[in-house]
Amino acid sequence: MKSIRMESDSIGSLEVPAEALWGIHSKRAVENFPLTNRPVNKGLIHAFAAVKLAAIRTNQAIRKWSDDLISPEHVNRLGSKTESNN
């Protein structure tokens, strides 16, 4: 007899093998979307990678932009501070 664990989500509860590294959401996905045993198209994988790389670069640029804006150089330009409503 295999040991199981019970997992719950907003839909209900399901049995999952105790040793499984996945949980209820993965089990529901497998049940709801049958596998075709066809590999994912390499073009799709490259497209996902390109989108992720663009997101990484954008996040890095935003982080640098934010760091630049809070540098003392910019803070000292406020003068009387009326421009910033302080």
PDB file of N, CA and C in Angstrom:
ATOM      1  N   MET A   1       0.838  -1.178   0.000  1.00  0.00           N
ATOM      2  CA  MET A   1       0.000   0.000   0.000  1.00  0.00           C
ATOM      3  C   MET A   1       0.887   1.246   0.000  1.00  0.00           C
ATOM      4  N   LYS A   2       0.650   2.140  -0.968  1.00  0.00           N
ATOM      5  CA  LYS A   2       1.420   3.374  -1.047  1.00  0.00           C
ATOM      6  C   LYS A   2       0.879   4.383  -0.055  1.00  0.00           C
ATOM      7  N   SER A   3       1.813   5.140   0.514  1.00  0.00           N
ATOM      8  CA  SER A   3       1.364   6.183   1.430  1.00  0.00           C
ATOM      9  C   SER A   3       0.959   7.414   0.630  1.00  0.00           C
ATOM     10  N   ILE A   4      -0.065   8.074   1.125  1.00  0.00           N
ATOM     11  CA  ILE A   4      -0.594   9.258   0.450  1.00  0.00           C
ATOM     12  C   ILE A   4      -0.677  10.420   1.433  1.00  0.00           C
ATOM     13  N   ARG A   5      -0.833  11.589   0.857  1.00  0.00           N
ATOM     14  CA  ARG A   5      -1.123  12.762   1.676  1.00  0.00           C
ATOM     15  C   ARG A   5      -2.339  13.435   1.065  1.00  0.00           C
ATOM     16  N   MET A   6      -3.121  14.062   1.882  1.00  0.00           N
ATOM     17  CA  MET A   6      -4.289  14.798   1.401  1.00  0.00           C
ATOM     18  C   MET A   6      -3.903  16.261   1.231  1.00  0.00           C
ATOM     19  N   GLU A   7      -4.233  16.818   0.081  1.00  0.00           N
ATOM     20  CA  GLU A   7      -4.008  18.242  -0.158  1.00  0.00           C
ATOM     21  C   GLU A   7      -5.338  18.869  -0.516  1.00  0.00           C
ATOM     22  N   SER A   8      -5.511  20.110  -0.140  1.00  0.00           N
ATOM     23  CA  SER A   8      -6.765  20.822  -0.392  1.00  0.00           C
ATOM     24  C   SER A   8      -6.489  22.148  -1.070  1.00  0.00           C
ATOM     25  N   ASP A   9      -7.448  22.562  -1.887  1.00  0.00           N
ATOM     26  CA  ASP A   9      -7.425  23.899  -2.474  1.00  0.00           C
ATOM     27  C   ASP A   9      -8.856  24.416  -2.483  1.00  0.00           C
ATOM     28  N   SER A  10      -9.111  25.494  -3.212  1.00  0.00           N
ATOM     29  CA  SER A  10     -10.449  26.092  -3.205  1.00  0.00           C
ATOM     30  C   SER A  10     -11.497  25.207  -3.866  1.00  0.00           C
ATOM     31  N   ILE A  11     -11.063  24.219  -4.641  1.00  0.00           N
ATOM     32  CA  ILE A  11     -12.006  23.321  -5.321  1.00  0.00           C
ATOM     33  C   ILE A  11     -12.379  22.138  -4.441  1.00  0.00           C
ATOM     34  N   GLY A  12     -11.430  21.680  -3.647  1.00  0.00           N
ATOM     35  CA  GLY A  12     -11.684  20.518  -2.805  1.00  0.00           C
ATOM     36  C   GLY A  12     -10.390  19.856  -2.382  1.00  0.00           C
ATOM     37  N   SER A  13     -10.470  18.570  -2.077  1.00  0.00           N
ATOM     38  CA  SER A  13      -9.308  17.812  -1.611  1.00  0.00           C
ATOM     39  C   SER A  13      -9.006  16.673  -2.564  1.00  0.00           C
ATOM     40  N   LEU A  14      -7.732  16.325  -2.655  1.00  0.00           N
ATOM     41  CA  LEU A  14      -7.291  15.199  -3.480  1.00  0.00           C
ATOM     42  C   LEU A  14      -6.189  14.442  -2.762  1.00  0.00           C
ATOM     43  N   GLU A  15      -6.070  13.160  -3.108  1.00  0.00           N
ATOM     44  CA  GLU A  15      -4.971  12.354  -2.601  1.00  0.00           C
ATOM     45  C   GLU A  15      -3.777  12.531  -3.531  1.00  0.00           C
ATOM     46  N   VAL A  16      -2.614  12.720  -2.940  1.00  0.00           N
ATOM     47  CA  VAL A  16      -1.363  12.867  -3.682  1.00  0.00           C
ATOM     48  C   VAL A  16      -0.378  11.883  -3.070  1.00  0.00           C
ATOM     49  N   PRO A  17       0.421  11.181  -3.891  1.00  0.00           N
ATOM     50  CA  PRO A  17       1.414  10.277  -3.309  1.00  0.00           C
ATOM     51  C   PRO A  17       2.314  11.028  -2.320  1.00  0.00           C
ATOM     52  N   ALA A  18       2.574  10.428  -1.184  1.00  0.00           N
ATOM     53  CA  ALA A  18       3.337  11.095  -0.122  1.00  0.00           C
ATOM     54  C   ALA A  18       4.727  11.504  -0.586  1.00  0.00           C
ATOM     55  N   GLU A  19       5.338  10.721  -1.466  1.00  0.00           N
ATOM     56  CA  GLU A  19       6.703  11.013  -1.902  1.00  0.00           C
ATOM     57  C   GLU A  19       6.759  11.993  -3.080  1.00  0.00           C
ATOM     58  N   ALA A  20       5.604  12.380  -3.606  1.00  0.00           N
ATOM     59  CA  ALA A  20       5.560  13.264  -4.780  1.00  0.00           C
ATOM     60  C   ALA A  20       6.149  14.634  -4.469  1.00  0.00           C
ATOM     61  N   LEU A  21       6.923  15.154  -5.423  1.00  0.00           N
ATOM     62  CA  LEU A  21       7.489  16.493  -5.292  1.00  0.00           C
ATOM     63  C   LEU A  21       6.535  17.548  -5.839  1.00  0.00           C
ATOM     64  N   TRP A  22       5.384  17.138  -6.277  1.00  0.00           N
ATOM     65  CA  TRP A  22       4.364  18.037  -6.815  1.00  0.00           C
ATOM     66  C   TRP A  22       3.145  17.951  -5.911  1.00  0.00           C
ATOM     67  N   GLY A  23       2.178  18.819  -6.171  1.00  0.00           N
ATOM     68  CA  GLY A  23       1.012  18.862  -5.300  1.00  0.00           C
ATOM     69  C   GLY A  23      -0.305  18.852  -6.047  1.00  0.00           C
ATOM     70  N   ILE A  24      -1.322  19.346  -5.390  1.00  0.00           N
ATOM     71  CA  ILE A  24      -2.692  19.275  -5.887  1.00  0.00           C
ATOM     72  C   ILE A  24      -2.878  20.008  -7.216  1.00  0.00           C
ATOM     73  N   HIS A  25      -2.193  21.143  -7.383  1.00  0.00           N
ATOM     74  CA  HIS A  25      -2.383  21.906  -8.622  1.00  0.00           C
ATOM     75  C   HIS A  25      -1.822  21.157  -9.824  1.00  0.00           C
ATOM     76  N   SER A  26      -0.678  20.509  -9.648  1.00  0.00           N
ATOM     77  CA  SER A  26      -0.109  19.711 -10.733  1.00  0.00           C
ATOM     78  C   SER A  26      -1.000  18.515 -11.047  1.00  0.00           C
ATOM     79  N   LYS A  27      -1.548  17.883 -10.016  1.00  0.00           N
ATOM     80  CA  LYS A  27      -2.430  16.734 -10.231  1.00  0.00           C
ATOM     81  C   LYS A  27      -3.676  17.158 -11.002  1.00  0.00           C
ATOM     82  N   ARG A  28      -4.249  18.296 -10.641  1.00  0.00           N
ATOM     83  CA  ARG A  28      -5.430  18.783 -11.364  1.00  0.00           C
ATOM     84  C   ARG A  28      -5.087  19.097 -12.822  1.00  0.00           C
ATOM     85  N   ALA A  29      -3.922  19.677 -13.056  1.00  0.00           N
ATOM     86  CA  ALA A  29      -3.520  20.010 -14.425  1.00  0.00           C
ATOM     87  C   ALA A  29      -3.403  18.752 -15.278  1.00  0.00           C
ATOM     88  N   VAL A  30      -2.786  17.710 -14.734  1.00  0.00           N
ATOM     89  CA  VAL A  30      -2.642  16.453 -15.474  1.00  0.00           C
ATOM     90  C   VAL A  30      -4.010  15.842 -15.765  1.00  0.00           C
ATOM     91  N   GLU A  31      -4.917  15.918 -14.802  1.00  0.00           N
ATOM     92  CA  GLU A  31      -6.258  15.365 -14.997  1.00  0.00           C
ATOM     93  C   GLU A  31      -7.060  16.169 -16.023  1.00  0.00           C
ATOM     94  N   ASN A  32      -6.879  17.481 -16.036  1.00  0.00           N
ATOM     95  CA  ASN A  32      -7.683  18.342 -16.911  1.00  0.00           C
ATOM     96  C   ASN A  32      -7.115  18.523 -18.312  1.00  0.00           C
ATOM     97  N   PHE A  33      -5.816  18.334 -18.462  1.00  0.00           N
ATOM     98  CA  PHE A  33      -5.174  18.535 -19.758  1.00  0.00           C
ATOM     99  C   PHE A  33      -4.377  17.294 -20.111  1.00  0.00           C
ATOM    100  N   PRO A  34      -4.971  16.415 -20.911  1.00  0.00           N
ATOM    101  CA  PRO A  34      -4.287  15.161 -21.233  1.00  0.00           C
ATOM    102  C   PRO A  34      -2.958  15.408 -21.962  1.00  0.00           C
ATOM    103  N   LEU A  35      -1.975  14.570 -21.643  1.00  0.00           N
ATOM    104  CA  LEU A  35      -0.662  14.676 -22.270  1.00  0.00           C
ATOM    105  C   LEU A  35      -0.681  14.012 -23.636  1.00  0.00           C
ATOM    106  N   THR A  36       0.048  14.581 -24.575  1.00  0.00           N
ATOM    107  CA  THR A  36       0.067  14.047 -25.934  1.00  0.00           C
ATOM    108  C   THR A  36       1.341  13.288 -26.245  1.00  0.00           C
ATOM    109  N   ASN A  37       2.307  13.310 -25.357  1.00  0.00           N
ATOM    110  CA  ASN A  37       3.619  12.705 -25.582  1.00  0.00           C
ATOM    111  C   ASN A  37       4.361  13.357 -26.744  1.00  0.00           C
ATOM    112  N   ARG A  38       3.942  14.556 -27.119  1.00  0.00           N
ATOM    113  CA  ARG A  38       4.646  15.315 -28.158  1.00  0.00           C
ATOM    114  C   ARG A  38       5.498  16.367 -27.460  1.00  0.00           C
ATOM    115  N   PRO A  39       6.739  16.519 -27.890  1.00  0.00           N
ATOM    116  CA  PRO A  39       7.584  17.535 -27.258  1.00  0.00           C
ATOM    117  C   PRO A  39       7.108  18.940 -27.609  1.00  0.00           C
ATOM    118  N   VAL A  40       7.438  19.877 -26.750  1.00  0.00           N
ATOM    119  CA  VAL A  40       7.103  21.274 -27.009  1.00  0.00           C
ATOM    120  C   VAL A  40       7.980  21.765 -28.159  1.00  0.00           C
ATOM    121  N   ASN A  41       7.385  22.496 -29.078  1.00  0.00           N
ATOM    122  CA  ASN A  41       8.104  23.029 -30.227  1.00  0.00           C
ATOM    123  C   ASN A  41       9.255  23.917 -29.766  1.00  0.00           C
ATOM    124  N   LYS A  42      10.431  23.725 -30.378  1.00  0.00           N
ATOM    125  CA  LYS A  42      11.606  24.509 -29.978  1.00  0.00           C
ATOM    126  C   LYS A  42      11.394  25.997 -30.193  1.00  0.00           C
ATOM    127  N   GLY A  43      10.635  26.367 -31.215  1.00  0.00           N
ATOM    128  CA  GLY A  43      10.348  27.780 -31.450  1.00  0.00           C
ATOM    129  C   GLY A  43       9.592  28.397 -30.286  1.00  0.00           C
ATOM    130  N   LEU A  44       8.668  27.640 -29.707  1.00  0.00           N
ATOM    131  CA  LEU A  44       7.911  28.131 -28.555  1.00  0.00           C
ATOM    132  C   LEU A  44       8.825  28.294 -27.340  1.00  0.00           C
ATOM    133  N   ILE A  45       9.720  27.346 -27.145  1.00  0.00           N
ATOM    134  CA  ILE A  45      10.672  27.436 -26.034  1.00  0.00           C
ATOM    135  C   ILE A  45      11.547  28.677 -26.198  1.00  0.00           C
ATOM    136  N   HIS A  46      12.026  28.921 -27.416  1.00  0.00           N
ATOM    137  CA  HIS A  46      12.860  30.105 -27.672  1.00  0.00           C
ATOM    138  C   HIS A  46      12.058  31.388 -27.458  1.00  0.00           C
ATOM    139  N   ALA A  47      10.788  31.376 -27.842  1.00  0.00           N
ATOM    140  CA  ALA A  47       9.942  32.559 -27.648  1.00  0.00           C
ATOM    141  C   ALA A  47       9.741  32.838 -26.159  1.00  0.00           C
ATOM    142  N   PHE A  48       9.482  31.802 -25.367  1.00  0.00           N
ATOM    143  CA  PHE A  48       9.355  31.981 -23.914  1.00  0.00           C
ATOM    144  C   PHE A  48      10.653  32.540 -23.331  1.00  0.00           C
ATOM    145  N   ALA A  49      11.776  31.994 -23.783  1.00  0.00           N
ATOM    146  CA  ALA A  49      13.073  32.460 -23.284  1.00  0.00           C
ATOM    147  C   ALA A  49      13.299  33.924 -23.643  1.00  0.00           C
ATOM    148  N   ALA A  50      12.904  34.323 -24.854  1.00  0.00           N
ATOM    149  CA  ALA A  50      13.072  35.719 -25.276  1.00  0.00           C
ATOM    150  C   ALA A  50      12.232  36.654 -24.415  1.00  0.00           C
ATOM    151  N   VAL A  51      11.016  36.250 -24.102  1.00  0.00           N
ATOM    152  CA  VAL A  51      10.146  37.075 -23.251  1.00  0.00           C
ATOM    153  C   VAL A  51      10.740  37.187 -21.850  1.00  0.00           C
ATOM    154  N   LYS A  52      11.225  36.072 -21.302  1.00  0.00           N
ATOM    155  CA  LYS A  52      11.825  36.108 -19.964  1.00  0.00           C
ATOM    156  C   LYS A  52      13.068  36.992 -19.949  1.00  0.00           C
ATOM    157  N   LEU A  53      13.896  36.901 -20.999  1.00  0.00           N
ATOM    158  CA  LEU A  53      15.094  37.732 -21.073  1.00  0.00           C
ATOM    159  C   LEU A  53      14.722  39.209 -21.151  1.00  0.00           C
ATOM    160  N   ALA A  54      13.700  39.528 -21.925  1.00  0.00           N
ATOM    161  CA  ALA A  54      13.243  40.921 -22.013  1.00  0.00           C
ATOM    162  C   ALA A  54      12.756  41.413 -20.652  1.00  0.00           C
ATOM    163  N   ALA A  55      12.057  40.568 -19.914  1.00  0.00           N
ATOM    164  CA  ALA A  55      11.579  40.952 -18.578  1.00  0.00           C
ATOM    165  C   ALA A  55      12.744  41.182 -17.627  1.00  0.00           C
ATOM    166  N   ILE A  56      13.752  40.323 -17.695  1.00  0.00           N
ATOM    167  CA  ILE A  56      14.935  40.486 -16.844  1.00  0.00           C
ATOM    168  C   ILE A  56      15.622  41.807 -17.145  1.00  0.00           C
ATOM    169  N   ARG A  57      15.830  42.079 -18.434  1.00  0.00           N
ATOM    170  CA  ARG A  57      16.507  43.323 -18.819  1.00  0.00           C
ATOM    171  C   ARG A  57      15.691  44.551 -18.408  1.00  0.00           C
ATOM    172  N   THR A  58      14.390  44.470 -18.547  1.00  0.00           N
ATOM    173  CA  THR A  58      13.533  45.590 -18.149  1.00  0.00           C
ATOM    174  C   THR A  58      13.605  45.810 -16.645  1.00  0.00           C
ATOM    175  N   ASN A  59      13.526  44.731 -15.876  1.00  0.00           N
ATOM    176  CA  ASN A  59      13.616  44.853 -14.416  1.00  0.00           C
ATOM    177  C   ASN A  59      14.956  45.430 -13.985  1.00  0.00           C
ATOM    178  N   GLN A  60      16.035  45.003 -14.649  1.00  0.00           N
ATOM    179  CA  GLN A  60      17.352  45.555 -14.319  1.00  0.00           C
ATOM    180  C   GLN A  60      17.411  47.042 -14.642  1.00  0.00           C
ATOM    181  N   ALA A  61      16.845  47.444 -15.771  1.00  0.00           N
ATOM    182  CA  ALA A  61      16.853  48.857 -16.161  1.00  0.00           C
ATOM    183  C   ALA A  61      16.026  49.690 -15.188  1.00  0.00           C
ATOM    184  N   ILE A  62      14.878  49.172 -14.789  1.00  0.00           N
ATOM    185  CA  ILE A  62      14.025  49.896 -13.842  1.00  0.00           C
ATOM    186  C   ILE A  62      14.744  50.048 -12.507  1.00  0.00           C
ATOM    187  N   ARG A  63      15.410  48.994 -12.065  1.00  0.00           N
ATOM    188  CA  ARG A  63      16.131  49.048 -10.794  1.00  0.00           C
ATOM    189  C   ARG A  63      17.223  50.114 -10.860  1.00  0.00           C
ATOM    190  N   LYS A  64      17.975  50.154 -11.959  1.00  0.00           N
ATOM    191  CA  LYS A  64      19.028  51.159 -12.102  1.00  0.00           C
ATOM    192  C   LYS A  64      18.411  52.548 -12.149  1.00  0.00           C
ATOM    193  N   TRP A  65      17.332  52.687 -12.883  1.00  0.00           N
ATOM    194  CA  TRP A  65      16.652  53.976 -13.004  1.00  0.00           C
ATOM    195  C   TRP A  65      16.199  54.445 -11.624  1.00  0.00           C
ATOM    196  N   SER A  66      15.630  53.543 -10.836  1.00  0.00           N
ATOM    197  CA  SER A  66      15.167  53.890  -9.489  1.00  0.00           C
ATOM    198  C   SER A  66      16.338  54.304  -8.609  1.00  0.00           C
ATOM    199  N   ASP A  67      17.441  53.565  -8.685  1.00  0.00           N
ATOM    200  CA  ASP A  67      18.618  53.905  -7.889  1.00  0.00           C
ATOM    201  C   ASP A  67      19.151  55.281  -8.274  1.00  0.00           C
ATOM    202  N   ASP A  68      19.132  55.591  -9.562  1.00  0.00           N
ATOM    203  CA  ASP A  68      19.602  56.900 -10.025  1.00  0.00           C
ATOM    204  C   ASP A  68      18.722  58.019  -9.482  1.00  0.00           C
ATOM    205  N   LEU A  69      17.428  57.802  -9.439  1.00  0.00           N
ATOM    206  CA  LEU A  69      16.512  58.855  -8.998  1.00  0.00           C
ATOM    207  C   LEU A  69      16.643  59.195  -7.521  1.00  0.00           C
ATOM    208  N   ILE A  70      17.041  58.220  -6.716  1.00  0.00           N
ATOM    209  CA  ILE A  70      17.146  58.491  -5.280  1.00  0.00           C
ATOM    210  C   ILE A  70      18.566  58.853  -4.859  1.00  0.00           C
ATOM    211  N   SER A  71      19.456  59.017  -5.825  1.00  0.00           N
ATOM    212  CA  SER A  71      20.831  59.383  -5.483  1.00  0.00           C
ATOM    213  C   SER A  71      20.864  60.804  -4.929  1.00  0.00           C
ATOM    214  N   PRO A  72      21.847  61.114  -4.088  1.00  0.00           N
ATOM    215  CA  PRO A  72      21.948  62.457  -3.499  1.00  0.00           C
ATOM    216  C   PRO A  72      22.010  63.560  -4.550  1.00  0.00           C
ATOM    217  N   GLU A  73      22.565  63.252  -5.708  1.00  0.00           N
ATOM    218  CA  GLU A  73      22.662  64.261  -6.770  1.00  0.00           C
ATOM    219  C   GLU A  73      21.283  64.808  -7.134  1.00  0.00           C
ATOM    220  N   HIS A  74      20.303  63.928  -7.240  1.00  0.00           N
ATOM    221  CA  HIS A  74      18.960  64.361  -7.616  1.00  0.00           C
ATOM    222  C   HIS A  74      18.212  64.975  -6.430  1.00  0.00           C
ATOM    223  N   VAL A  75      18.447  64.453  -5.248  1.00  0.00           N
ATOM    224  CA  VAL A  75      17.763  64.975  -4.065  1.00  0.00           C
ATOM    225  C   VAL A  75      18.173  66.426  -3.825  1.00  0.00           C
ATOM    226  N   ASN A  76      19.442  66.747  -4.018  1.00  0.00           N
ATOM    227  CA  ASN A  76      19.938  68.103  -3.782  1.00  0.00           C
ATOM    228  C   ASN A  76      19.407  69.107  -4.798  1.00  0.00           C
ATOM    229  N   ARG A  77      18.871  68.661  -5.895  1.00  0.00           N
ATOM    230  CA  ARG A  77      18.345  69.566  -6.911  1.00  0.00           C
ATOM    231  C   ARG A  77      16.965  70.106  -6.548  1.00  0.00           C
ATOM    232  N   LEU A  78      16.424  69.668  -5.451  1.00  0.00           N
ATOM    233  CA  LEU A  78      15.082  70.107  -5.082  1.00  0.00           C
ATOM    234  C   LEU A  78      15.056  71.559  -4.615  1.00  0.00           C
ATOM    235  N   GLY A  79      16.180  72.077  -4.233  1.00  0.00           N
ATOM    236  CA  GLY A  79      16.242  73.485  -3.837  1.00  0.00           C
ATOM    237  C   GLY A  79      15.345  73.779  -2.652  1.00  0.00           C
ATOM    238  N   SER A  80      14.346  74.606  -2.871  1.00  0.00           N
ATOM    239  CA  SER A  80      13.454  74.993  -1.771  1.00  0.00           C
ATOM    240  C   SER A  80      12.433  73.918  -1.442  1.00  0.00           C
ATOM    241  N   LYS A  81      12.423  72.869  -2.197  1.00  0.00           N
ATOM    242  CA  LYS A  81      11.529  71.721  -2.010  1.00  0.00           C
ATOM    243  C   LYS A  81      10.079  72.027  -2.382  1.00  0.00           C
ATOM    244  N   THR A  82       9.813  73.202  -2.932  1.00  0.00           N
ATOM    245  CA  THR A  82       8.432  73.490  -3.323  1.00  0.00           C
ATOM    246  C   THR A  82       8.005  72.626  -4.502  1.00  0.00           C
ATOM    247  N   GLU A  83       8.970  72.226  -5.347  1.00  0.00           N
ATOM    248  CA  GLU A  83       8.622  71.390  -6.501  1.00  0.00           C
ATOM    249  C   GLU A  83       8.140  70.012  -6.072  1.00  0.00           C
ATOM    250  N   SER A  84       8.584  69.570  -4.909  1.00  0.00           N
ATOM    251  CA  SER A  84       8.197  68.238  -4.445  1.00  0.00           C
ATOM    252  C   SER A  84       7.107  68.286  -3.384  1.00  0.00           C
ATOM    253  N   ASN A  85       6.539  69.465  -3.163  1.00  0.00           N
ATOM    254  CA  ASN A  85       5.467  69.643  -2.182  1.00  0.00           C
ATOM    255  C   ASN A  85       5.869  69.190  -0.790  1.00  0.00           C
ATOM    256  N   ASN A  86       7.107  69.425  -0.412  1.00  0.00           N
ATOM    257  CA  ASN A  86       7.568  69.057   0.935  1.00  0.00           C
ATOM    258  C   ASN A  86       7.416  70.209   1.879  1.00  0.00           C
TER     259      ASN A  86
END
